[in-house]
């Protein structure tokens, strides 16, 4: 069988959410956008709901519709992207809560769906989504008269606890919202870890739930094992893969693995990344191609059927560090060809 095996530990996801919820002074929601960070919303969201999450966050209305079908009528589902053109039917029928990001969205919402629940997203300095202070000041009394269910903002540098931007955004958010009798939310995983000042009424655990940094105490969630299709002996002077990108200087045993960039294994891992055969680290040789990867298994005494890319020896963040990206990208890039197994349900 040439299909790579992706194992997702739902018990670890539950434990990570529970740990972050325990740190939270108010209510802990759960972020399940991007198909639960690539791990399967249909499996992850019910596990988190069973664990106690009652407020979920997605990026766009279409994700919210799918989540509503999965979870049923109970939990609140908030849409970070707000109320976009054409969203009214989706928001109404699936009972989604858009986080309105601008005056235009506010007008669109109250005209299309009068009385329908909504939240508000404020820009406290990230300059990405949300109403800026001047815009909010002009709209504040009108917006509050419509009874928003949540007011939120988002931290730009929460994964760097000493960065001054977080304290600046905290002050700005307080200036924009103090005295308002509406639940407030500022922090995702990184903000939760920075302490109670950043928690407010609702937190939004995301990457930490899925085993990623900055939650250093997170339990490992994923294991990715890639089958070995073939091994061969390469003599000095012979090359491996496209473009003769790697040339042997010494006799080398090379294994060809059944995965590639079509499966979310980034091409930048070529000559920077490793797989593991038991306790032996195996360097990637040559290029990562669409469906195949070649690695040096010269030091492997007993060849296993699969090599580990993600697992006990290598986290999503370690792989990310090798190619100058973040664990989020590693997770959300995992392809659809893997045979997925869920444990700890």
Protein backbone atom coordinates (compact mmCIF):
# COMPACT_ATOMS: atom_id res chain seq x y z
CA UNK A 1 0.00 0.00 0.00
CA UNK A 2 1.56 3.26 -1.18
CA UNK A 3 -0.80 5.58 0.71
CA UNK A 4 0.76 7.57 3.54
CA UNK A 5 -0.85 7.24 6.97
CA UNK A 6 -1.98 10.31 8.92
CA UNK A 7 -3.09 9.61 12.49
CA UNK A 8 -4.95 12.31 14.43
CA UNK A 9 -5.29 11.96 18.19
CA UNK A 10 -8.66 13.37 19.24
CA UNK A 11 -7.88 12.67 22.90
CA UNK A 12 -4.86 14.97 22.60
CA UNK A 13 -7.00 17.65 20.94
CA UNK A 14 -9.48 17.38 23.80
CA UNK A 15 -6.70 17.56 26.40
CA UNK A 16 -5.08 20.59 24.76
CA UNK A 17 -8.39 22.47 24.60
CA UNK A 18 -9.14 21.53 28.20
CA UNK A 19 -5.73 22.79 29.35
CA UNK A 20 -6.19 26.14 27.57
CA UNK A 21 -9.75 26.43 28.84
CA UNK A 22 -8.48 25.86 32.38
CA UNK A 23 -6.03 28.73 31.95
CA UNK A 24 -8.80 31.00 30.70
CA UNK A 25 -10.54 33.19 33.29
CA UNK A 26 -13.74 33.40 31.26
CA UNK A 27 -15.21 31.20 28.55
CA UNK A 28 -12.98 29.31 26.10
CA UNK A 29 -14.26 29.01 22.55
CA UNK A 30 -12.67 26.88 19.86
CA UNK A 31 -11.28 27.90 16.47
CA UNK A 32 -12.00 25.27 13.81
CA UNK A 33 -11.48 27.28 10.62
CA UNK A 34 -9.64 25.77 7.62
CA UNK A 35 -11.24 22.37 8.26
CA UNK A 36 -10.01 22.40 11.87
CA UNK A 37 -6.52 23.43 10.77
CA UNK A 38 -6.49 20.68 8.17
CA UNK A 39 -7.35 17.87 10.59
CA UNK A 40 -11.03 17.39 9.79
CA UNK A 41 -13.81 19.58 11.14
CA UNK A 42 -16.27 16.69 11.06
CA UNK A 43 -14.21 14.78 13.65
CA UNK A 44 -12.56 17.59 15.62
CA UNK A 45 -15.56 19.88 16.23
CA UNK A 46 -17.81 17.21 17.82
CA UNK A 47 -14.92 16.15 20.07
CA UNK A 48 -14.47 19.74 21.25
CA UNK A 49 -18.22 20.18 21.72
CA UNK A 50 -18.31 17.04 23.86
CA UNK A 51 -15.41 18.45 25.87
CA UNK A 52 -17.43 21.59 26.63
CA UNK A 53 -16.80 24.15 23.87
CA UNK A 54 -20.00 26.07 23.16
CA UNK A 55 -18.70 28.88 20.93
CA UNK A 56 -16.86 28.07 17.71
CA UNK A 57 -15.04 30.33 15.26
CA UNK A 58 -14.66 29.93 11.50
CA UNK A 59 -13.26 32.18 8.79
CA UNK A 60 -16.11 32.36 6.26
CA UNK A 61 -19.83 31.73 6.18
CA UNK A 62 -19.51 28.61 4.04
CA UNK A 63 -17.37 27.01 6.76
CA UNK A 64 -20.02 27.97 9.28
CA UNK A 65 -22.76 26.28 7.27
CA UNK A 66 -20.77 23.06 7.19
CA UNK A 67 -20.05 23.31 10.91
CA UNK A 68 -23.72 23.84 11.71
CA UNK A 69 -24.57 20.62 9.87
CA UNK A 70 -21.93 18.82 11.92
CA UNK A 71 -22.79 20.25 15.35
CA UNK A 72 -26.52 20.76 15.11
CA UNK A 73 -28.52 23.60 16.65
CA UNK A 74 -26.75 24.14 19.97
CA UNK A 75 -23.38 25.92 19.76
CA UNK A 76 -22.81 29.50 18.63
CA UNK A 77 -20.77 29.78 15.43
CA UNK A 78 -18.95 33.07 14.83
CA UNK A 79 -17.66 34.07 11.39
CA UNK A 80 -14.45 36.13 11.43
CA UNK A 81 -15.01 37.38 7.87
CA UNK A 82 -18.22 39.11 8.89
CA UNK A 83 -21.21 39.65 6.63
CA UNK A 84 -20.05 39.62 3.02
CA UNK A 85 -22.15 40.29 -0.07
CA UNK A 86 -24.32 37.24 -0.68
CA UNK A 87 -23.96 35.82 2.85
CA UNK A 88 -27.40 36.75 4.19
CA UNK A 89 -29.15 33.46 3.39
CA UNK A 90 -26.25 31.41 4.75
CA UNK A 91 -26.07 33.41 7.97
CA UNK A 92 -29.82 33.25 8.53
CA UNK A 93 -30.41 29.61 7.61
CA UNK A 94 -27.43 28.25 9.57
CA UNK A 95 -27.88 30.74 12.43
CA UNK A 96 -24.32 32.04 12.17
CA UNK A 97 -22.97 35.07 14.02
CA UNK A 98 -20.94 37.34 11.73
CA UNK A 99 -18.20 39.41 13.32
CA UNK A 100 -18.84 42.70 11.51
CA UNK A 101 -15.65 44.42 10.39
CA UNK A 102 -16.77 47.75 8.93
CA UNK A 103 -19.56 50.28 8.64
CA UNK A 104 -20.45 48.75 5.26
CA UNK A 105 -20.85 45.33 6.84
CA UNK A 106 -22.93 46.80 9.65
CA UNK A 107 -25.31 48.47 7.18
CA UNK A 108 -25.50 45.32 5.05
CA UNK A 109 -26.31 43.22 8.10
CA UNK A 110 -29.01 45.35 9.70
CA UNK A 111 -30.71 45.89 6.34
CA UNK A 112 -30.63 42.24 5.22
CA UNK A 113 -31.08 40.52 8.58
CA UNK A 114 -32.69 42.89 11.11
CA UNK A 115 -32.59 41.38 14.57
CA UNK A 116 -30.16 38.61 13.58
CA UNK A 117 -27.28 38.15 16.10
CA UNK A 118 -23.91 39.65 15.25
CA UNK A 119 -20.59 40.50 16.81
CA UNK A 120 -18.10 43.26 16.10
CA UNK A 121 -14.42 43.03 15.28
CA UNK A 122 -12.23 46.01 16.15
CA UNK A 123 -8.80 46.85 14.80
CA UNK A 124 -6.57 47.48 17.81
CA UNK A 125 -3.46 47.96 15.70
CA UNK A 126 -2.98 44.92 13.47
CA UNK A 127 -4.42 46.66 10.40
CA UNK A 128 -5.96 43.52 8.99
CA UNK A 129 -9.64 43.19 9.92
CA UNK A 130 -11.95 45.29 12.06
CA UNK A 131 -13.12 48.82 12.64
CA UNK A 132 -10.37 51.32 13.42
CA UNK A 133 -10.79 53.60 16.45
CA UNK A 134 -12.18 56.55 14.47
CA UNK A 135 -14.64 54.37 12.58
CA UNK A 136 -15.72 52.67 15.80
CA UNK A 137 -16.16 55.98 17.58
CA UNK A 138 -18.53 57.15 14.87
CA UNK A 139 -20.51 53.92 14.85
CA UNK A 140 -20.29 52.84 18.48
CA UNK A 141 -23.63 54.08 19.84
CA UNK A 142 -25.54 52.88 16.76
CA UNK A 143 -23.85 49.48 16.89
CA UNK A 144 -24.44 49.00 20.61
CA UNK A 145 -28.11 49.84 20.17
CA UNK A 146 -28.35 46.76 17.95
CA UNK A 147 -27.16 44.53 20.86
CA UNK A 148 -24.01 42.79 19.59
CA UNK A 149 -23.27 39.48 21.28
CA UNK A 150 -19.46 39.82 21.25
CA UNK A 151 -16.79 42.46 20.61
CA UNK A 152 -13.36 41.17 19.65
CA UNK A 153 -9.94 42.11 18.37
CA UNK A 154 -6.85 40.11 17.46
CA UNK A 155 -3.26 40.29 18.71
CA UNK A 156 -0.50 40.63 16.12
CA UNK A 157 2.49 39.44 18.15
CA UNK A 158 1.09 37.13 20.84
CA UNK A 159 3.62 34.43 19.98
CA UNK A 160 6.36 36.84 21.13
CA UNK A 161 5.41 37.57 24.77
CA UNK A 162 7.99 40.35 25.22
CA UNK A 163 6.92 42.24 22.12
CA UNK A 164 5.57 45.69 22.96
CA UNK A 165 2.81 45.43 20.37
CA UNK A 166 0.66 43.24 22.62
CA UNK A 167 0.64 45.76 25.47
CA UNK A 168 -0.17 48.52 22.97
CA UNK A 169 -3.09 46.54 21.55
CA UNK A 170 -4.35 45.71 25.03
CA UNK A 171 -4.45 49.42 25.91
CA UNK A 172 -6.12 50.27 22.62
CA UNK A 173 -8.73 47.57 23.00
CA UNK A 174 -9.54 48.72 26.50
CA UNK A 175 -9.83 52.34 25.35
CA UNK A 176 -12.25 51.23 22.63
CA UNK A 177 -14.39 48.96 24.81
CA UNK A 178 -14.15 49.76 28.54
CA UNK A 179 -17.56 50.51 29.98
CA UNK A 180 -19.41 48.50 27.34
CA UNK A 181 -21.77 45.84 28.67
CA UNK A 182 -20.96 43.31 25.94
CA UNK A 183 -18.70 40.22 26.24
CA UNK A 184 -15.20 40.91 24.93
CA UNK A 185 -12.54 38.72 23.31
CA UNK A 186 -8.93 39.57 22.52
CA UNK A 187 -6.84 36.41 22.78
CA UNK A 188 -6.19 33.24 20.86
CA UNK A 189 -3.63 30.69 22.11
CA UNK A 190 -0.74 33.11 22.51
CA UNK A 191 -2.82 35.69 24.37
CA UNK A 192 -4.16 33.05 26.74
CA UNK A 193 -0.59 32.17 27.70
CA UNK A 194 0.25 35.84 28.39
CA UNK A 195 -2.08 35.93 31.38
CA UNK A 196 -5.40 37.10 32.70
CA UNK A 197 -5.08 40.72 31.56
CA UNK A 198 -5.54 39.49 28.00
CA UNK A 199 -8.40 37.06 28.59
CA UNK A 200 -11.50 39.24 28.99
CA UNK A 201 -14.77 37.27 28.72
CA UNK A 202 -14.04 34.87 25.84
CA UNK A 203 -10.82 33.39 24.50
CA UNK A 204 -10.32 31.68 21.15
CA UNK A 205 -7.92 28.71 21.46
CA UNK A 206 -6.62 27.73 18.04
CA UNK A 207 -3.17 26.38 17.15
CA UNK A 208 -2.49 25.21 20.71
CA UNK A 209 -5.48 22.87 20.49
CA UNK A 210 -3.81 21.18 17.52
CA UNK A 211 -0.45 20.71 19.22
CA UNK A 212 1.39 23.76 17.91
CA UNK A 213 3.48 26.55 19.40
CA UNK A 214 3.39 28.80 21.33
CA UNK A 215 1.68 26.24 23.59
CA UNK A 216 4.82 24.41 24.63
CA UNK A 217 2.89 22.05 26.93
CA UNK A 218 0.56 20.85 24.19
CA UNK A 219 0.17 17.15 23.64
CA UNK A 220 1.20 15.89 20.22
CA UNK A 221 -1.82 15.54 17.92
CA UNK A 222 -0.57 14.21 14.57
CA UNK A 223 1.61 11.41 13.27
CA UNK A 224 2.46 11.15 9.59
CA UNK A 225 4.06 7.94 8.33
CA UNK A 226 5.10 7.68 4.68
CA UNK A 227 5.56 4.29 2.94
CA UNK A 228 8.88 3.19 1.49
CA UNK A 229 8.28 2.15 -2.12
CA UNK A 230 11.81 1.17 -3.07
CA UNK A 231 15.44 1.29 -1.92
CA UNK A 232 18.57 1.33 -4.06
CA UNK A 233 22.31 1.65 -3.78
CA UNK A 234 23.73 4.83 -5.35
CA UNK A 235 27.42 4.95 -6.19
CA UNK A 236 29.67 8.04 -6.04
CA UNK A 237 29.01 10.36 -8.95
CA UNK A 238 25.41 9.23 -9.49
CA UNK A 239 22.60 11.73 -9.00
CA UNK A 240 19.14 11.39 -7.48
CA UNK A 241 15.90 12.96 -8.69
CA UNK A 242 14.97 15.89 -10.90
CA UNK A 243 17.66 18.28 -12.05
CA UNK A 244 20.51 16.12 -10.68
CA UNK A 245 19.94 18.16 -7.53
CA UNK A 246 21.91 15.75 -5.33
CA UNK A 247 25.00 13.84 -6.36
CA UNK A 248 26.48 11.06 -4.22
CA UNK A 249 30.02 11.54 -2.95
CA UNK A 250 30.13 8.20 -1.14
CA UNK A 251 28.15 4.97 -1.56
CA UNK A 252 24.63 5.77 -0.33
CA UNK A 253 21.51 3.74 0.23
CA UNK A 254 18.48 5.73 -0.93
CA UNK A 255 14.82 5.10 -0.13
CA UNK A 256 12.01 6.45 -2.28
CA UNK A 257 8.92 7.45 -0.27
CA UNK A 258 5.33 7.73 -1.44
CA UNK A 259 4.49 11.39 -0.76
CA UNK A 260 5.35 14.78 -2.17
CA UNK A 261 4.26 18.36 -2.53
CA UNK A 262 0.82 17.20 -3.70
CA UNK A 263 0.44 15.88 -0.16
CA UNK A 264 1.55 19.10 1.49
CA UNK A 265 5.21 18.15 1.95
CA UNK A 266 6.79 21.47 1.11
CA UNK A 267 9.40 21.56 -1.68
CA UNK A 268 11.57 23.74 0.56
CA UNK A 269 12.24 20.66 2.73
CA UNK A 270 14.57 19.37 0.03
CA UNK A 271 18.08 19.08 1.54
CA UNK A 272 16.83 20.84 4.70
CA UNK A 273 14.42 18.30 6.14
CA UNK A 274 14.53 14.84 7.61
CA UNK A 275 12.45 11.73 8.08
CA UNK A 276 12.94 9.24 10.89
CA UNK A 277 13.37 5.47 10.69
CA UNK A 278 12.94 4.44 14.29
CA UNK A 279 15.66 6.33 16.14
CA UNK A 280 17.66 7.09 12.98
CA UNK A 281 17.37 10.48 11.29
CA UNK A 282 17.31 10.27 7.49
CA UNK A 283 18.14 13.31 5.38
CA UNK A 284 16.01 14.24 2.38
CA UNK A 285 18.07 14.02 -0.83
CA UNK A 286 17.44 15.97 -4.00
CA UNK A 287 14.10 17.59 -4.74
CA UNK A 288 10.70 16.94 -3.24
CA UNK A 289 8.60 16.03 -6.26
CA UNK A 290 4.83 15.82 -6.62
CA UNK A 291 4.42 12.26 -5.38
CA UNK A 292 7.86 11.04 -4.32
CA UNK A 293 10.65 11.94 -1.91
CA UNK A 294 14.10 10.35 -1.71
CA UNK A 295 15.99 10.06 1.57
CA UNK A 296 19.34 8.76 2.79
CA UNK A 297 18.82 5.50 4.70
CA UNK A 298 22.44 4.38 4.71
CA UNK A 299 22.52 4.33 8.51
CA UNK A 300 19.27 2.37 8.87
CA UNK A 301 20.05 -1.19 9.91
CA UNK A 302 16.54 -2.63 9.67
CA UNK A 303 14.38 -0.90 7.08
CA UNK A 304 10.80 -0.16 8.29
CA UNK A 305 7.83 -0.10 5.95
CA UNK A 306 7.17 3.57 6.77
CA UNK A 307 9.30 6.57 7.70
CA UNK A 308 8.06 9.28 10.07
CA UNK A 309 7.72 12.89 8.99
CA UNK A 310 5.55 13.97 11.92
CA UNK A 311 5.43 12.13 15.20
CA UNK A 312 7.41 11.47 18.37
CA UNK A 313 10.69 12.59 16.81
CA UNK A 314 9.51 15.62 14.86
CA UNK A 315 6.76 18.13 15.59
CA UNK A 316 4.92 20.36 13.15
CA UNK A 317 6.97 23.28 14.43
CA UNK A 318 10.28 21.48 13.94
CA UNK A 319 9.36 20.80 10.32
CA UNK A 320 8.23 24.41 9.97
CA UNK A 321 11.50 25.74 11.39
CA UNK A 322 13.46 23.79 8.79
CA UNK A 323 11.79 25.68 5.95
CA UNK A 324 11.26 29.06 7.58
CA UNK A 325 7.51 28.85 8.05
CA UNK A 326 5.10 28.12 10.93
CA UNK A 327 3.32 25.06 12.24
CA UNK A 328 -0.02 26.44 11.05
CA UNK A 329 1.11 26.12 7.43
CA UNK A 330 2.44 22.60 7.92
CA UNK A 331 -0.91 21.46 9.36
CA UNK A 332 -3.21 23.23 6.93
CA UNK A 333 -1.16 22.01 3.95
CA UNK A 334 -1.71 18.33 4.72
CA UNK A 335 -3.25 16.87 1.59
CA UNK A 336 -6.32 14.76 0.91
CA UNK A 337 -4.52 11.60 -0.22
CA UNK A 338 -3.54 10.43 3.25
CA UNK A 339 -5.32 7.49 4.85
CA UNK A 340 -6.63 9.26 7.95
CA UNK A 341 -7.09 7.45 11.23
CA UNK A 342 -8.63 9.09 14.29
CA UNK A 343 -7.76 7.78 17.73
CA UNK A 344 -9.03 8.69 21.19
CA UNK A 345 -12.57 9.43 19.99
